[in-house]
C-alpha atoms as a PDB file:
ATOM      1  CA  MET A   1      95.801  84.409 100.973  1.00  0.00           C
ATOM      2  CA  PRO A   2      95.794  88.273 101.747  1.00  0.00           C
ATOM      3  CA  ALA A   3      94.813  91.010  99.539  1.00  0.00           C
ATOM      4  CA  PRO A   4      97.657  92.092  97.479  1.00  0.00           C
ATOM      5  CA  PRO A   5      99.366  95.578  97.666  1.00  0.00           C
ATOM      6  CA  HIS A   6      98.444  98.241  95.703  1.00  0.00           C
ATOM      7  CA  ASP A   7     101.776  99.351  94.455  1.00  0.00           C
ATOM      8  CA  ALA A   8     103.919  98.764  92.340  1.00  0.00           C
ATOM      9  CA  SER A   9     105.220  95.552  93.743  1.00  0.00           C
ATOM     10  CA  GLY A  10     101.766  94.110  93.345  1.00  0.00           C
ATOM     11  CA  HIS A  11      99.626  93.432  89.802  1.00  0.00           C
ATOM     12  CA  THR A  12      96.246  95.799  90.664  1.00  0.00           C
ATOM     13  CA  TRP A  13      97.455  97.101  88.025  1.00  0.00           C
ATOM     14  CA  HIS A  14      96.480  94.151  85.510  1.00  0.00           C
ATOM     15  CA  HIS A  15      93.232  94.478  86.261  1.00  0.00           C
ATOM     16  CA  PRO A  16      90.224  97.356  84.993  1.00  0.00           C
ATOM     17  CA  ASP A  17      88.793  99.262  85.906  1.00  0.00           C
ATOM     18  CA  ALA A  18      85.419  97.502  86.262  1.00  0.00           C
ATOM     19  CA  VAL A  19      87.487  94.553  87.359  1.00  0.00           C
ATOM     20  CA  LEU A  20      89.039  96.638  90.354  1.00  0.00           C
ATOM     21  CA  PHE A  21      85.694  98.484  91.118  1.00  0.00           C
ATOM     22  CA  ALA A  22      84.011  94.888  91.652  1.00  0.00           C
ATOM     23  CA  ILE A  23      86.770  93.362  93.439  1.00  0.00           C
ATOM     24  CA  THR A  24      86.698  96.637  95.951  1.00  0.00           C
ATOM     25  CA  LYS A  25      82.463  96.941  95.929  1.00  0.00           C
ATOM     26  CA  ASN A  26      82.059  93.106  96.457  1.00  0.00           C
ATOM     27  CA  GLY A  27      85.021  91.486  97.774  1.00  0.00           C
ATOM     28  CA  LEU A  28      87.431  88.744  96.348  1.00  0.00           C
ATOM     29  CA  VAL A  29      84.464  86.593  95.841  1.00  0.00           C
ATOM     30  CA  ALA A  30      84.881  82.856  94.564  1.00  0.00           C
ATOM     31  CA  GLY A  31      83.681  82.316  90.811  1.00  0.00           C
ATOM     32  CA  VAL A  32      83.029  85.983  90.273  1.00  0.00           C
ATOM     33  CA  THR A  33      85.282  87.997  91.079  1.00  0.00           C
ATOM     34  CA  ALA A  34      88.006  85.560  91.615  1.00  0.00           C
ATOM     35  CA  PRO A  35      88.737  81.698  90.364  1.00  0.00           C
ATOM     36  CA  GLU A  36      86.352  78.872  91.818  1.00  0.00           C
ATOM     37  CA  GLY A  37      88.039  78.031  94.779  1.00  0.00           C
ATOM     38  CA  TYR A  38      90.209  80.484  95.452  1.00  0.00           C
ATOM     39  CA  VAL A  39      90.273  81.955  99.165  1.00  0.00           C
ATOM     40  CA  SER A  40      90.841  85.464  99.915  1.00  0.00           C
ATOM     41  CA  ASP A  41      90.661  87.656 102.840  1.00  0.00           C
ATOM     42  CA  MET A  42      89.918  90.508 100.629  1.00  0.00           C
ATOM     43  CA  PRO A  43      86.252  92.182 102.216  1.00  0.00           C
ATOM     44  CA  ALA A  44      83.843  93.838 100.601  1.00  0.00           C
ATOM     45  CA  PHE A  45      83.033  97.391 100.665  1.00  0.00           C
ATOM     46  CA  GLY A  46      80.212  97.348  99.471  1.00  0.00           C
ATOM     47  CA  GLN A  47      78.739  98.387 103.099  1.00  0.00           C
ATOM     48  CA  LEU A  48      80.719 100.614 104.319  1.00  0.00           C
ATOM     49  CA  LEU A  49      81.821 102.945 101.239  1.00  0.00           C
ATOM     50  CA  SER A  50      79.697 104.669  98.065  1.00  0.00           C
ATOM     51  CA  ASP A  51      80.029 104.126  94.189  1.00  0.00           C
ATOM     52  CA  GLN A  52      81.997 107.621  94.128  1.00  0.00           C
ATOM     53  CA  ASP A  53      83.393 107.092  97.374  1.00  0.00           C
ATOM     54  CA  ILE A  54      85.444 103.650  95.658  1.00  0.00           C
ATOM     55  CA  VAL A  55      85.544 105.811  92.611  1.00  0.00           C
ATOM     56  CA  ALA A  56      87.823 108.059  94.672  1.00  0.00           C
ATOM     57  CA  VAL A  57      89.884 105.710  96.715  1.00  0.00           C
ATOM     58  CA  LEU A  58      90.712 103.932  93.938  1.00  0.00           C
ATOM     59  CA  ALA A  59      91.998 107.323  91.605  1.00  0.00           C
ATOM     60  CA  TYR A  60      93.626 107.868  95.208  1.00  0.00           C
ATOM     61  CA  ILE A  61      95.471 104.628  94.147  1.00  0.00           C
ATOM     62  CA  LYS A  62      95.911 104.626  90.797  1.00  0.00           C
ATOM     63  CA  SER A  63      97.662 108.175  91.497  1.00  0.00           C
ATOM     64  CA  THR A  64     101.118 106.527  93.064  1.00  0.00           C
ATOM     65  CA  TRP A  65     101.617 103.849  90.479  1.00  0.00           C
ATOM     66  CA  PRO A  66     104.436 104.608  88.290  1.00  0.00           C
ATOM     67  CA  ARG A  67     103.584 106.449  85.111  1.00  0.00           C
ATOM     68  CA  LYS A  68     103.971 103.666  82.971  1.00  0.00           C
ATOM     69  CA  MET A  69     102.438 101.476  85.474  1.00  0.00           C
ATOM     70  CA  ALA A  70      99.075 103.870  85.407  1.00  0.00           C
ATOM     71  CA  ALA A  71      99.979 103.647  81.441  1.00  0.00           C
ATOM     72  CA  ALA A  72      99.402 100.183  81.376  1.00  0.00           C
ATOM     73  CA  GLN A  73      96.297  99.767  83.523  1.00  0.00           C
ATOM     74  CA  ARG A  74      94.737 102.780  81.379  1.00  0.00           C
ATOM     75  CA  GLU A  75      95.268 100.371  77.871  1.00  0.00           C
ATOM     76  CA  VAL A  76      93.827  97.624  79.951  1.00  0.00           C
ATOM     77  CA  THR A  77      90.902  99.481  80.957  1.00  0.00           C
ATOM     78  CA  GLU A  78      89.896 100.690  77.460  1.00  0.00           C
ATOM     79  CA  ALA A  79      90.670  97.631  75.739  1.00  0.00           C
ATOM     80  CA  GLN A  80      88.075  96.418  78.348  1.00  0.00           C
ATOM     81  CA  GLY A  81      85.477  99.343  76.450  1.00  0.00           C
ATOM     82  CA  ARG A  82      85.217 101.300  79.924  1.00  0.00           C
END
């Protein structure tokens, strides 16, 4: 399954920062960052990008979201304690 779009048409904004970071760094791994049996084309970028680079990429993606989406994602992140 292809990775979802990271704009308003996708569901990336439903996830807290820690999950977005883990998925970007490690890819979608069944039983770890995805449900058991889940198959995805989302690769890991941990070998290509530093942690700071991943944070910067995610900040850019989030900067393109509509205000309501960004606010909802911040609430999800805060609820996760991070």
